[in-house]
N, C-alpha and C. Protein backbone atom coordinates (compact mmCIF):
# COMPACT_ATOMS: atom_id res chain seq x y z
N MET A 1 159.17 151.25 123.89
CA MET A 1 160.11 152.35 123.95
C MET A 1 160.38 152.90 122.55
N ALA A 2 160.47 151.99 121.58
CA ALA A 2 160.74 152.44 120.22
C ALA A 2 159.57 153.27 119.68
N SER A 3 158.34 152.92 120.09
CA SER A 3 157.19 153.69 119.62
C SER A 3 157.21 155.10 120.18
N LYS A 4 157.71 155.26 121.41
CA LYS A 4 157.78 156.59 122.02
C LYS A 4 158.75 157.48 121.25
N THR A 5 159.90 156.93 120.89
CA THR A 5 160.86 157.73 120.13
C THR A 5 160.36 157.99 118.72
N ALA A 6 159.61 157.06 118.15
CA ALA A 6 159.05 157.28 116.82
C ALA A 6 158.00 158.37 116.87
N ALA A 7 157.20 158.40 117.92
CA ALA A 7 156.17 159.44 118.05
C ALA A 7 156.79 160.81 118.22
N VAL A 8 157.94 160.89 118.89
CA VAL A 8 158.61 162.17 119.06
C VAL A 8 159.20 162.64 117.74
N ALA A 9 159.68 161.70 116.91
CA ALA A 9 160.34 162.04 115.66
C ALA A 9 159.36 162.45 114.56
N VAL A 10 158.09 162.19 114.72
CA VAL A 10 157.10 162.50 113.69
C VAL A 10 156.78 163.99 113.72
N ASP A 11 156.82 164.61 112.54
CA ASP A 11 156.47 166.03 112.41
C ASP A 11 155.01 166.11 111.99
N PHE A 12 154.12 166.22 112.99
CA PHE A 12 152.69 166.18 112.70
C PHE A 12 152.23 167.39 111.89
N ALA A 13 152.81 168.54 112.11
CA ALA A 13 152.40 169.73 111.36
C ALA A 13 152.64 169.51 109.87
N ARG A 14 153.76 168.92 109.53
CA ARG A 14 154.07 168.65 108.12
C ARG A 14 153.10 167.61 107.56
N ILE A 15 152.75 166.62 108.36
CA ILE A 15 151.81 165.58 107.91
C ILE A 15 150.45 166.20 107.65
N TYR A 16 149.98 167.05 108.58
CA TYR A 16 148.67 167.68 108.40
C TYR A 16 148.63 168.49 107.11
N SER A 17 149.67 169.28 106.87
CA SER A 17 149.66 170.15 105.69
C SER A 17 149.88 169.35 104.41
N SER A 18 150.75 168.34 104.43
CA SER A 18 151.04 167.61 103.19
C SER A 18 149.87 166.72 102.77
N LEU A 19 149.10 166.21 103.72
CA LEU A 19 147.96 165.37 103.37
C LEU A 19 146.73 166.19 103.04
N GLY A 20 146.76 167.46 103.34
CA GLY A 20 145.61 168.31 103.04
C GLY A 20 144.39 167.91 103.86
N LEU A 21 144.60 167.56 105.11
CA LEU A 21 143.50 167.13 105.96
C LEU A 21 142.58 168.31 106.26
N GLY A 22 141.31 168.01 106.45
CA GLY A 22 140.34 169.05 106.78
C GLY A 22 140.53 169.56 108.19
N LYS A 23 139.92 170.70 108.47
CA LYS A 23 140.06 171.32 109.80
C LYS A 23 139.53 170.41 110.89
N GLU A 24 138.40 169.72 110.60
CA GLU A 24 137.80 168.84 111.61
C GLU A 24 138.74 167.69 111.94
N THR A 25 139.34 167.10 110.91
CA THR A 25 140.22 165.96 111.11
C THR A 25 141.46 166.37 111.88
N VAL A 26 142.04 167.51 111.52
CA VAL A 26 143.24 167.99 112.21
C VAL A 26 142.91 168.28 113.67
N ALA A 27 141.77 168.93 113.92
CA ALA A 27 141.38 169.24 115.30
C ALA A 27 141.14 167.97 116.11
N ALA A 28 140.50 166.98 115.50
CA ALA A 28 140.25 165.72 116.20
C ALA A 28 141.56 165.00 116.50
N LEU A 29 142.48 165.00 115.56
CA LEU A 29 143.77 164.35 115.79
C LEU A 29 144.57 165.07 116.88
N GLN A 30 144.55 166.39 116.87
CA GLN A 30 145.26 167.15 117.89
C GLN A 30 144.65 166.91 119.28
N ALA A 31 143.33 166.84 119.35
CA ALA A 31 142.67 166.58 120.63
C ALA A 31 143.02 165.18 121.13
N PHE A 32 143.04 164.23 120.21
CA PHE A 32 143.41 162.87 120.58
C PHE A 32 144.85 162.81 121.08
N ARG A 33 145.77 163.49 120.38
CA ARG A 33 147.18 163.51 120.80
C ARG A 33 147.32 164.15 122.18
N LYS A 34 146.55 165.21 122.46
CA LYS A 34 146.62 165.88 123.77
C LYS A 34 146.12 164.95 124.88
N ARG A 35 144.99 164.27 124.63
CA ARG A 35 144.47 163.33 125.63
C ARG A 35 145.48 162.21 125.88
N HIS A 36 146.10 161.74 124.83
CA HIS A 36 147.08 160.67 124.95
C HIS A 36 148.29 161.13 125.76
N SER A 37 148.80 162.30 125.48
CA SER A 37 149.96 162.79 126.24
C SER A 37 149.60 163.04 127.70
N ASP A 38 148.37 163.55 127.96
CA ASP A 38 147.94 163.76 129.35
C ASP A 38 147.84 162.42 130.09
N ALA A 39 147.30 161.41 129.42
CA ALA A 39 147.17 160.09 130.04
C ALA A 39 148.54 159.49 130.31
N GLN A 40 149.48 159.65 129.39
CA GLN A 40 150.84 159.15 129.61
C GLN A 40 151.50 159.87 130.78
N ARG A 41 151.32 161.19 130.83
CA ARG A 41 151.92 161.97 131.91
C ARG A 41 151.38 161.51 133.27
N LEU A 42 150.05 161.33 133.37
CA LEU A 42 149.46 160.88 134.63
C LEU A 42 149.90 159.47 134.99
N ALA A 43 149.99 158.59 134.00
CA ALA A 43 150.43 157.22 134.27
C ALA A 43 151.86 157.21 134.79
N ASN A 44 152.71 158.02 134.20
CA ASN A 44 154.10 158.10 134.67
C ASN A 44 154.17 158.71 136.07
N GLN A 45 153.34 159.74 136.31
CA GLN A 45 153.35 160.41 137.60
C GLN A 45 152.91 159.46 138.71
N TYR A 46 151.80 158.76 138.51
CA TYR A 46 151.28 157.88 139.55
C TYR A 46 152.05 156.57 139.61
N GLY A 47 152.65 156.16 138.54
CA GLY A 47 153.43 154.92 138.54
C GLY A 47 154.71 155.06 139.33
N SER A 48 155.23 156.27 139.43
CA SER A 48 156.49 156.48 140.14
C SER A 48 156.28 156.67 141.65
N GLN A 49 155.05 156.84 142.10
CA GLN A 49 154.79 157.02 143.53
C GLN A 49 154.82 155.67 144.26
N PRO A 50 155.27 155.69 145.49
CA PRO A 50 155.30 154.42 146.24
C PRO A 50 153.88 153.95 146.55
N THR A 51 153.70 152.63 146.54
CA THR A 51 152.35 152.09 146.75
C THR A 51 152.19 151.42 148.11
N ASN A 52 153.27 151.25 148.86
CA ASN A 52 153.15 150.59 150.17
C ASN A 52 152.97 151.62 151.28
N VAL A 53 152.25 151.21 152.31
CA VAL A 53 151.98 152.08 153.45
C VAL A 53 152.70 151.49 154.67
N ASP A 54 153.45 152.31 155.38
CA ASP A 54 154.18 151.88 156.57
C ASP A 54 153.26 151.99 157.78
N LEU A 55 152.52 150.91 158.06
CA LEU A 55 151.55 150.91 159.15
C LEU A 55 152.23 150.90 160.52
N ALA A 56 153.43 150.33 160.61
CA ALA A 56 154.15 150.31 161.89
C ALA A 56 154.48 151.73 162.34
N HIS A 57 154.82 152.58 161.38
CA HIS A 57 155.10 153.98 161.71
C HIS A 57 153.85 154.65 162.30
N TYR A 58 152.69 154.40 161.69
CA TYR A 58 151.45 155.02 162.18
C TYR A 58 151.05 154.47 163.54
N ARG A 59 151.35 153.18 163.79
CA ARG A 59 151.05 152.61 165.12
C ARG A 59 151.88 153.30 166.20
N SER A 60 153.13 153.61 165.86
CA SER A 60 154.00 154.24 166.86
C SER A 60 153.65 155.71 167.06
N VAL A 61 153.10 156.35 166.06
CA VAL A 61 152.80 157.78 166.15
C VAL A 61 151.42 158.03 166.75
N LEU A 62 150.42 157.23 166.34
CA LEU A 62 149.04 157.47 166.80
C LEU A 62 148.78 156.75 168.13
N LYS A 63 147.97 157.37 168.94
CA LYS A 63 147.62 156.78 170.22
C LYS A 63 146.53 155.73 170.05
N ASN A 64 145.64 155.95 169.10
CA ASN A 64 144.51 155.04 168.89
C ASN A 64 144.93 153.99 167.85
N ALA A 65 145.34 152.83 168.29
CA ALA A 65 145.81 151.75 167.41
C ALA A 65 144.65 151.12 166.65
N ALA A 66 143.44 151.28 167.15
CA ALA A 66 142.27 150.69 166.48
C ALA A 66 142.08 151.30 165.09
N ILE A 67 142.40 152.57 164.96
CA ILE A 67 142.28 153.23 163.65
C ILE A 67 143.27 152.63 162.67
N VAL A 68 144.48 152.37 163.14
CA VAL A 68 145.51 151.78 162.28
C VAL A 68 145.11 150.35 161.92
N ASP A 69 144.54 149.60 162.89
CA ASP A 69 144.09 148.23 162.61
C ASP A 69 142.98 148.23 161.56
N GLU A 70 142.07 149.18 161.69
CA GLU A 70 140.96 149.29 160.73
C GLU A 70 141.49 149.66 159.33
N ALA A 71 142.45 150.58 159.27
CA ALA A 71 143.05 150.97 157.99
C ALA A 71 143.78 149.79 157.37
N GLU A 72 144.49 149.00 158.21
CA GLU A 72 145.20 147.82 157.71
C GLU A 72 144.21 146.80 157.15
N LYS A 73 143.10 146.61 157.84
CA LYS A 73 142.07 145.68 157.38
C LYS A 73 141.49 146.16 156.05
N LEU A 74 141.23 147.46 155.94
CA LEU A 74 140.69 148.01 154.68
C LEU A 74 141.68 147.84 153.54
N LEU A 75 142.95 148.08 153.80
CA LEU A 75 143.97 147.91 152.76
C LEU A 75 144.09 146.45 152.32
N ARG A 76 144.02 145.54 153.31
CA ARG A 76 144.16 144.12 153.00
C ARG A 76 142.95 143.62 152.21
N ASP A 77 141.76 144.11 152.55
CA ASP A 77 140.52 143.66 151.89
C ASP A 77 140.24 144.41 150.58
N PHE A 78 141.03 145.41 150.29
CA PHE A 78 140.78 146.22 149.08
C PHE A 78 140.97 145.39 147.81
N LYS A 79 140.00 145.42 146.98
CA LYS A 79 140.07 144.78 145.66
C LYS A 79 139.79 145.87 144.62
N PRO A 80 140.70 146.06 143.67
CA PRO A 80 140.48 147.09 142.66
C PRO A 80 139.22 146.79 141.84
N VAL A 81 138.53 147.83 141.51
CA VAL A 81 137.32 147.70 140.72
C VAL A 81 137.72 147.51 139.26
N THR A 82 137.07 146.57 138.62
CA THR A 82 137.33 146.38 137.19
C THR A 82 136.26 147.12 136.41
N TYR A 83 136.70 147.81 135.40
CA TYR A 83 135.80 148.59 134.58
C TYR A 83 135.61 147.93 133.23
N ASP A 84 134.44 148.06 132.70
CA ASP A 84 134.17 147.55 131.36
C ASP A 84 134.59 148.64 130.37
N VAL A 85 135.67 148.40 129.67
CA VAL A 85 136.20 149.40 128.75
C VAL A 85 135.68 149.21 127.33
N ASN A 86 134.75 148.28 127.16
CA ASN A 86 134.22 148.03 125.81
C ASN A 86 133.58 149.28 125.22
N GLU A 87 132.90 150.06 126.06
CA GLU A 87 132.26 151.28 125.56
C GLU A 87 133.31 152.26 125.04
N HIS A 88 134.42 152.40 125.79
CA HIS A 88 135.50 153.27 125.34
C HIS A 88 136.14 152.74 124.08
N LEU A 89 136.31 151.42 124.02
CA LEU A 89 136.90 150.83 122.82
C LEU A 89 136.00 151.04 121.61
N LYS A 90 134.70 150.94 121.81
CA LYS A 90 133.76 151.19 120.71
C LYS A 90 133.85 152.64 120.24
N THR A 91 133.99 153.57 121.18
CA THR A 91 134.13 154.97 120.83
C THR A 91 135.41 155.20 120.04
N ILE A 92 136.48 154.57 120.49
CA ILE A 92 137.76 154.70 119.78
C ILE A 92 137.66 154.10 118.39
N GLU A 93 137.01 152.94 118.28
CA GLU A 93 136.85 152.31 116.97
C GLU A 93 135.99 153.18 116.05
N ALA A 94 134.94 153.81 116.61
CA ALA A 94 134.11 154.70 115.80
C ALA A 94 134.93 155.89 115.33
N PHE A 95 135.74 156.46 116.22
CA PHE A 95 136.61 157.57 115.84
C PHE A 95 137.59 157.13 114.77
N GLN A 96 138.15 155.95 114.94
CA GLN A 96 139.10 155.43 113.96
C GLN A 96 138.42 155.22 112.61
N ALA A 97 137.21 154.67 112.63
CA ALA A 97 136.48 154.45 111.38
C ALA A 97 136.19 155.78 110.70
N LYS A 98 135.81 156.77 111.49
CA LYS A 98 135.53 158.10 110.95
C LYS A 98 136.80 158.71 110.36
N ALA A 99 137.93 158.55 111.07
CA ALA A 99 139.20 159.08 110.57
C ALA A 99 139.62 158.38 109.29
N VAL A 100 139.42 157.07 109.23
CA VAL A 100 139.77 156.32 108.02
C VAL A 100 138.88 156.76 106.86
N GLU A 101 137.60 156.96 107.15
CA GLU A 101 136.67 157.42 106.11
C GLU A 101 137.08 158.79 105.57
N LYS A 102 137.41 159.71 106.49
CA LYS A 102 137.86 161.04 106.07
C LYS A 102 139.15 160.94 105.26
N ALA A 103 140.05 160.05 105.68
CA ALA A 103 141.32 159.89 104.97
C ALA A 103 141.07 159.34 103.56
N LYS A 104 140.12 158.43 103.43
CA LYS A 104 139.80 157.88 102.10
C LYS A 104 139.17 158.95 101.22
N GLU A 105 138.30 159.78 101.80
CA GLU A 105 137.71 160.88 101.04
C GLU A 105 138.80 161.84 100.57
N THR A 106 139.72 162.16 101.47
CA THR A 106 140.82 163.05 101.13
C THR A 106 141.68 162.43 100.04
N GLU A 107 141.93 161.14 100.16
CA GLU A 107 142.73 160.45 99.15
C GLU A 107 142.04 160.49 97.79
N ALA A 108 140.72 160.28 97.78
CA ALA A 108 139.98 160.32 96.52
C ALA A 108 140.04 161.72 95.90
N LYS A 109 139.88 162.75 96.73
CA LYS A 109 139.95 164.12 96.23
C LYS A 109 141.33 164.42 95.66
N ILE A 110 142.35 163.97 96.35
CA ILE A 110 143.72 164.21 95.89
C ILE A 110 143.98 163.46 94.59
N ASP A 111 143.47 162.23 94.48
CA ASP A 111 143.65 161.46 93.24
C ASP A 111 142.99 162.15 92.06
N VAL A 112 141.76 162.66 92.27
CA VAL A 112 141.06 163.36 91.19
C VAL A 112 141.84 164.61 90.79
N GLU A 113 142.28 165.37 91.77
CA GLU A 113 143.02 166.59 91.49
C GLU A 113 144.35 166.28 90.79
N LEU A 114 144.99 165.21 91.21
CA LEU A 114 146.25 164.80 90.59
C LEU A 114 146.04 164.40 89.12
N LYS A 115 144.95 163.70 88.84
CA LYS A 115 144.64 163.31 87.45
C LYS A 115 144.37 164.56 86.61
N GLU A 116 143.63 165.50 87.17
CA GLU A 116 143.35 166.74 86.44
C GLU A 116 144.64 167.51 86.16
N LEU A 117 145.50 167.59 87.15
CA LEU A 117 146.77 168.29 86.96
C LEU A 117 147.65 167.56 85.94
N GLN A 118 147.60 166.24 85.96
CA GLN A 118 148.39 165.45 85.01
C GLN A 118 147.89 165.70 83.59
N SER A 119 146.56 165.73 83.41
CA SER A 119 146.02 165.98 82.06
C SER A 119 146.33 167.41 81.61
N THR A 120 146.26 168.36 82.52
CA THR A 120 146.61 169.73 82.18
C THR A 120 148.07 169.84 81.77
N LEU A 121 148.92 169.14 82.51
CA LEU A 121 150.35 169.15 82.19
C LEU A 121 150.60 168.52 80.82
N SER A 122 149.93 167.43 80.52
CA SER A 122 150.12 166.81 79.20
C SER A 122 149.59 167.71 78.10
N ASN A 123 148.47 168.42 78.34
CA ASN A 123 147.95 169.37 77.35
C ASN A 123 148.96 170.49 77.09
N ILE A 124 149.57 170.97 78.15
CA ILE A 124 150.55 172.05 78.01
C ILE A 124 151.76 171.55 77.23
N GLU A 125 152.22 170.35 77.54
CA GLU A 125 153.39 169.81 76.85
C GLU A 125 153.11 169.51 75.38
N GLN A 126 151.88 169.12 75.06
CA GLN A 126 151.54 168.75 73.69
C GLN A 126 151.03 169.94 72.87
N ALA A 127 150.82 171.05 73.49
CA ALA A 127 150.27 172.21 72.78
C ALA A 127 151.28 172.76 71.77
N ARG A 128 150.74 173.29 70.68
CA ARG A 128 151.59 173.93 69.66
C ARG A 128 152.02 175.29 70.16
N PRO A 129 153.20 175.72 69.77
CA PRO A 129 153.62 177.07 70.16
C PRO A 129 152.67 178.13 69.58
N PHE A 130 152.55 179.24 70.27
CA PHE A 130 151.62 180.28 69.89
C PHE A 130 151.89 180.83 68.49
N ASP A 131 153.16 180.95 68.13
CA ASP A 131 153.49 181.52 66.82
C ASP A 131 153.16 180.57 65.67
N GLU A 132 152.84 179.31 65.95
CA GLU A 132 152.46 178.36 64.90
C GLU A 132 150.95 178.23 64.74
N LEU A 133 150.16 178.91 65.55
CA LEU A 133 148.71 178.83 65.45
C LEU A 133 148.21 179.60 64.24
N THR A 134 147.14 179.10 63.64
CA THR A 134 146.50 179.79 62.52
C THR A 134 145.12 180.26 62.96
N THR A 135 144.51 181.11 62.15
CA THR A 135 143.16 181.59 62.49
C THR A 135 142.16 180.44 62.44
N GLN A 136 142.40 179.45 61.58
CA GLN A 136 141.49 178.29 61.51
C GLN A 136 141.56 177.49 62.83
N ASP A 137 142.76 177.40 63.41
CA ASP A 137 142.89 176.70 64.68
C ASP A 137 142.11 177.41 65.78
N VAL A 138 142.20 178.74 65.79
CA VAL A 138 141.46 179.53 66.78
C VAL A 138 139.97 179.39 66.55
N ASP A 139 139.53 179.40 65.28
CA ASP A 139 138.10 179.25 64.96
C ASP A 139 137.58 177.90 65.44
N ARG A 140 138.36 176.85 65.26
CA ARG A 140 137.92 175.52 65.70
C ARG A 140 137.87 175.45 67.23
N ALA A 141 138.81 176.08 67.87
CA ALA A 141 138.85 176.03 69.34
C ALA A 141 137.73 176.87 69.96
N HIS A 142 137.46 178.04 69.37
CA HIS A 142 136.44 178.95 69.91
C HIS A 142 135.59 179.48 68.77
N PRO A 143 134.53 178.76 68.40
CA PRO A 143 133.69 179.18 67.27
C PRO A 143 133.00 180.53 67.49
N ARG A 144 132.79 180.92 68.72
CA ARG A 144 132.12 182.21 68.96
C ARG A 144 132.98 183.38 68.50
N ILE A 145 134.31 183.21 68.51
CA ILE A 145 135.18 184.28 68.02
C ILE A 145 134.98 184.46 66.52
N ALA A 146 134.91 183.33 65.80
CA ALA A 146 134.69 183.39 64.34
C ALA A 146 133.34 184.04 64.03
N GLU A 147 132.31 183.71 64.80
CA GLU A 147 130.99 184.30 64.59
C GLU A 147 131.03 185.81 64.83
N ALA A 148 131.70 186.24 65.87
CA ALA A 148 131.79 187.67 66.18
C ALA A 148 132.52 188.41 65.07
N VAL A 149 133.59 187.83 64.53
CA VAL A 149 134.35 188.48 63.46
C VAL A 149 133.49 188.58 62.20
N GLU A 150 132.76 187.52 61.86
CA GLU A 150 131.89 187.53 60.67
C GLU A 150 130.81 188.59 60.81
N THR A 151 130.23 188.70 61.99
CA THR A 151 129.18 189.70 62.23
C THR A 151 129.76 191.10 62.07
N MET A 152 130.94 191.35 62.58
CA MET A 152 131.57 192.66 62.46
C MET A 152 131.87 192.98 61.00
N LEU A 153 132.33 192.00 60.23
CA LEU A 153 132.63 192.23 58.82
C LEU A 153 131.36 192.55 58.04
N LYS A 154 130.26 191.84 58.35
CA LYS A 154 128.99 192.09 57.66
C LYS A 154 128.47 193.50 57.94
N LYS A 155 128.71 193.99 59.14
CA LYS A 155 128.23 195.32 59.52
C LYS A 155 129.22 196.40 59.11
N GLY A 156 130.35 196.00 58.59
CA GLY A 156 131.33 196.99 58.15
C GLY A 156 132.18 197.55 59.27
N LYS A 157 132.24 196.89 60.38
CA LYS A 157 133.08 197.34 61.50
C LYS A 157 134.46 196.72 61.31
N TRP A 158 135.44 197.61 61.22
CA TRP A 158 136.80 197.12 61.00
C TRP A 158 137.67 197.29 62.23
N THR A 159 137.11 197.81 63.29
CA THR A 159 137.88 197.99 64.53
C THR A 159 137.21 197.21 65.66
N VAL A 160 138.02 196.81 66.57
CA VAL A 160 137.52 196.08 67.73
C VAL A 160 137.20 197.09 68.83
N PRO A 161 136.00 197.02 69.40
CA PRO A 161 135.64 197.97 70.45
C PRO A 161 136.61 197.88 71.63
N GLY A 162 137.12 199.03 72.07
CA GLY A 162 138.01 199.10 73.21
C GLY A 162 139.47 198.90 72.86
N TYR A 163 139.79 198.61 71.60
CA TYR A 163 141.18 198.35 71.23
C TYR A 163 142.03 199.61 71.34
N LYS A 164 141.50 200.73 70.78
CA LYS A 164 142.27 201.98 70.81
C LYS A 164 142.49 202.46 72.23
N GLU A 165 141.48 202.28 73.09
CA GLU A 165 141.62 202.71 74.48
C GLU A 165 142.69 201.89 75.21
N LYS A 166 142.77 200.63 74.87
CA LYS A 166 143.70 199.76 75.57
C LYS A 166 145.11 199.82 74.99
N PHE A 167 145.23 199.83 73.63
CA PHE A 167 146.55 199.75 73.00
C PHE A 167 146.96 201.04 72.29
N GLY A 168 146.07 201.97 72.19
CA GLY A 168 146.41 203.24 71.52
C GLY A 168 146.20 203.17 70.01
N ASP A 169 146.26 204.32 69.37
CA ASP A 169 146.06 204.41 67.92
C ASP A 169 147.45 204.45 67.27
N LEU A 170 147.71 203.49 66.40
CA LEU A 170 149.01 203.39 65.76
C LEU A 170 149.01 204.02 64.36
N ASN A 171 147.93 204.67 63.96
CA ASN A 171 147.88 205.30 62.64
C ASN A 171 148.79 206.52 62.62
N LEU A 172 149.52 206.67 61.53
CA LEU A 172 150.40 207.83 61.39
C LEU A 172 149.65 209.03 60.84
N MET A 173 148.52 208.83 60.24
CA MET A 173 147.76 209.94 59.64
C MET A 173 146.91 210.63 60.63
């Protein structure tokens, strides 16, 4: 009973989104939940129906008592068929193994992403403010910028292409 109330209290939509599960995993879990709820509904429906048959009533209503005797004999001799559920259990175990594998893959991806975000955050926290940067710092970080500036100076170009178009001409003359 406690498991039923726990299952009702679980917000599966939030779990799916917070774990970042793939579309296949979410679809498989939803299909499994639907089959489970259908099976529970049918078990409750058939479990609440009466299982005894009033043969005395049928004897009084029907003229042919031999039919009622034959039905009584069939009911008395009835033995429920036992099914081998090992195949179903193997299928469930395979599904469970696949779900666990997908969950581990998702966990690994999240761990990698979390480490990357953590390193990015530490880089941001440890970075020098922009107004404290020097041209030497920029040259060390991006040597191609220094090469481009040197090439422009050698050719006598003192303006950056596209600068006037983007920022306008600030010359007063």
